[in-house]
Amino acid sequence: MEQDIFCGIAAGAIPANKLYEDKKVVVFTDINPQAPVHVVIIPRKHFTSLNDLEEKDEGLLGHMLLVAARIAREHGVAFSGYRLVINTGPQGGQAVPHLHMHLLGGRALAGELG
């Protein structure tokens, strides 16, 4: 397995403010929050990016989305609204070479997407 900071967090070797974890994913607060609620959802299994997933991994993506909805409810942003972001590759803004999803909420989020 390729090692990166998120692999270290998933393994418990690197400290993080973990909000949720199970056998498939780990959720923790972003160290550079861009919104009042900004968490990162990572799979425990290393995938460099979304491009590494195959059809057999669709259950993992579904699980990540369900966990995101749960975290949004727990942090009071489910009904006011939140954004989920998966950056892929350097030009897509991916800074850590480990598949991850950002959940942002708690304020109005402006941007190109509507």
Protein backbone atom coordinates (compact mmCIF):
# COMPACT_ATOMS: atom_id res chain seq x y z
CA MET A 1 0.00 0.00 0.00
CA GLU A 2 1.24 3.47 -0.87
CA GLN A 3 1.65 5.61 2.25
CA ASP A 4 0.45 9.20 2.57
CA ILE A 5 -0.81 11.39 5.41
CA PHE A 6 -4.35 10.03 5.07
CA CYS A 7 -3.10 6.43 5.27
CA GLY A 8 -1.38 7.45 8.49
CA ILE A 9 -4.58 9.00 9.87
CA ALA A 10 -6.61 5.92 8.91
CA ALA A 11 -4.07 3.67 10.64
CA GLY A 12 -4.02 5.84 13.76
CA ALA A 13 -0.33 6.66 13.35
CA ILE A 14 -1.02 10.36 12.67
CA PRO A 15 -3.35 12.20 15.06
CA ALA A 16 -6.50 13.82 13.74
CA ASN A 17 -9.74 15.11 15.22
CA LYS A 18 -11.76 12.06 14.23
CA LEU A 19 -15.53 12.46 14.18
CA TYR A 20 -16.48 9.00 12.93
CA GLU A 21 -14.83 5.79 11.85
CA ASP A 22 -15.84 2.31 10.87
CA LYS A 23 -14.16 -0.54 9.01
CA LYS A 24 -14.47 1.26 5.65
CA VAL A 25 -13.99 5.00 6.29
CA VAL A 26 -12.59 7.62 8.64
CA VAL A 27 -14.00 11.13 9.05
CA PHE A 28 -12.02 14.00 10.57
CA THR A 29 -12.04 17.78 10.66
CA ASP A 30 -10.03 19.56 7.98
CA ILE A 31 -6.91 21.28 9.35
CA ASN A 32 -7.52 24.27 7.06
CA PRO A 33 -11.31 24.72 7.20
CA GLN A 34 -12.97 26.66 4.40
CA ALA A 35 -16.38 26.72 6.13
CA PRO A 36 -17.71 26.44 9.70
CA VAL A 37 -18.28 22.74 9.04
CA HIS A 38 -15.45 21.24 7.00
CA VAL A 39 -14.71 17.57 7.36
CA VAL A 40 -12.79 15.06 5.27
CA ILE A 41 -14.10 11.57 4.55
CA ILE A 42 -11.49 9.01 3.49
CA PRO A 43 -11.59 5.31 2.73
CA ARG A 44 -9.29 3.23 4.91
CA LYS A 45 -8.13 1.41 1.79
CA HIS A 46 -5.70 3.46 -0.26
CA PHE A 47 -6.87 4.72 -3.64
CA THR A 48 -4.77 7.51 -5.13
CA SER A 49 -7.85 9.17 -6.62
CA LEU A 50 -11.33 8.54 -7.91
CA ASN A 51 -9.68 7.29 -11.11
CA ASP A 52 -8.41 4.19 -9.26
CA LEU A 53 -11.88 2.90 -8.43
CA GLU A 54 -13.53 0.06 -10.31
CA GLU A 55 -17.12 -1.16 -10.50
CA LYS A 56 -16.47 -3.45 -7.54
CA ASP A 57 -15.82 -0.33 -5.43
CA GLU A 58 -19.20 1.33 -5.98
CA GLY A 59 -20.35 0.12 -2.55
CA LEU A 60 -17.54 2.10 -0.96
CA LEU A 61 -18.62 5.28 -2.73
CA GLY A 62 -22.21 4.71 -1.63
CA HIS A 63 -21.02 4.21 1.93
CA MET A 64 -18.99 7.41 1.80
CA LEU A 65 -22.08 9.33 0.66
CA LEU A 66 -24.26 7.84 3.40
CA VAL A 67 -21.63 8.69 6.02
CA ALA A 68 -21.48 12.24 4.63
CA ALA A 69 -25.26 12.61 5.05
CA ARG A 70 -25.00 11.30 8.62
CA ILE A 71 -22.22 13.77 9.46
CA ALA A 72 -24.23 16.61 7.90
CA ARG A 73 -27.20 15.74 10.13
CA GLU A 74 -24.99 15.47 13.22
CA HIS A 75 -23.44 18.89 12.51
CA GLY A 76 -26.75 20.63 11.81
CA VAL A 77 -26.21 21.39 8.12
CA ALA A 78 -28.36 18.68 6.51
CA PHE A 79 -31.37 20.92 6.00
CA SER A 80 -29.67 24.29 5.49
CA GLY A 81 -27.40 22.71 2.87
CA TYR A 82 -23.88 21.48 2.37
CA ARG A 83 -21.46 20.69 -0.41
CA LEU A 84 -19.57 17.47 -1.12
CA VAL A 85 -16.37 17.76 -3.15
CA ILE A 86 -14.03 15.13 -4.56
CA ASN A 87 -11.00 16.75 -6.18
CA THR A 88 -9.21 14.50 -8.65
CA GLY A 89 -5.70 15.09 -9.97
CA PRO A 90 -3.47 18.16 -9.81
CA GLN A 91 -5.60 20.36 -12.06
CA GLY A 92 -8.70 19.25 -10.17
CA GLY A 93 -7.21 20.60 -6.96
CA GLN A 94 -6.30 17.29 -5.31
CA ALA A 95 -3.57 18.05 -2.76
CA VAL A 96 -3.25 14.65 -1.05
CA PRO A 97 -2.81 11.54 -3.25
CA HIS A 98 -5.51 9.57 -1.42
CA LEU A 99 -9.17 9.54 -2.46
CA HIS A 100 -11.09 11.84 -0.15
CA MET A 101 -14.33 13.80 0.00
CA HIS A 102 -14.79 17.20 1.61
CA LEU A 103 -18.06 18.08 3.32
CA LEU A 104 -18.52 21.84 3.69
CA GLY A 105 -21.44 23.66 5.30
CA GLY A 106 -22.54 26.15 7.91
CA ARG A 107 -22.54 29.17 5.59
CA ALA A 108 -23.68 30.09 2.09
CA LEU A 109 -21.28 28.53 -0.38
CA ALA A 110 -20.68 30.56 -3.52
CA GLY A 111 -19.12 29.11 -6.61
CA GLU A 112 -19.46 28.20 -10.24
CA LEU A 113 -21.77 25.27 -9.59
CA GLY A 114 -25.41 25.88 -8.89
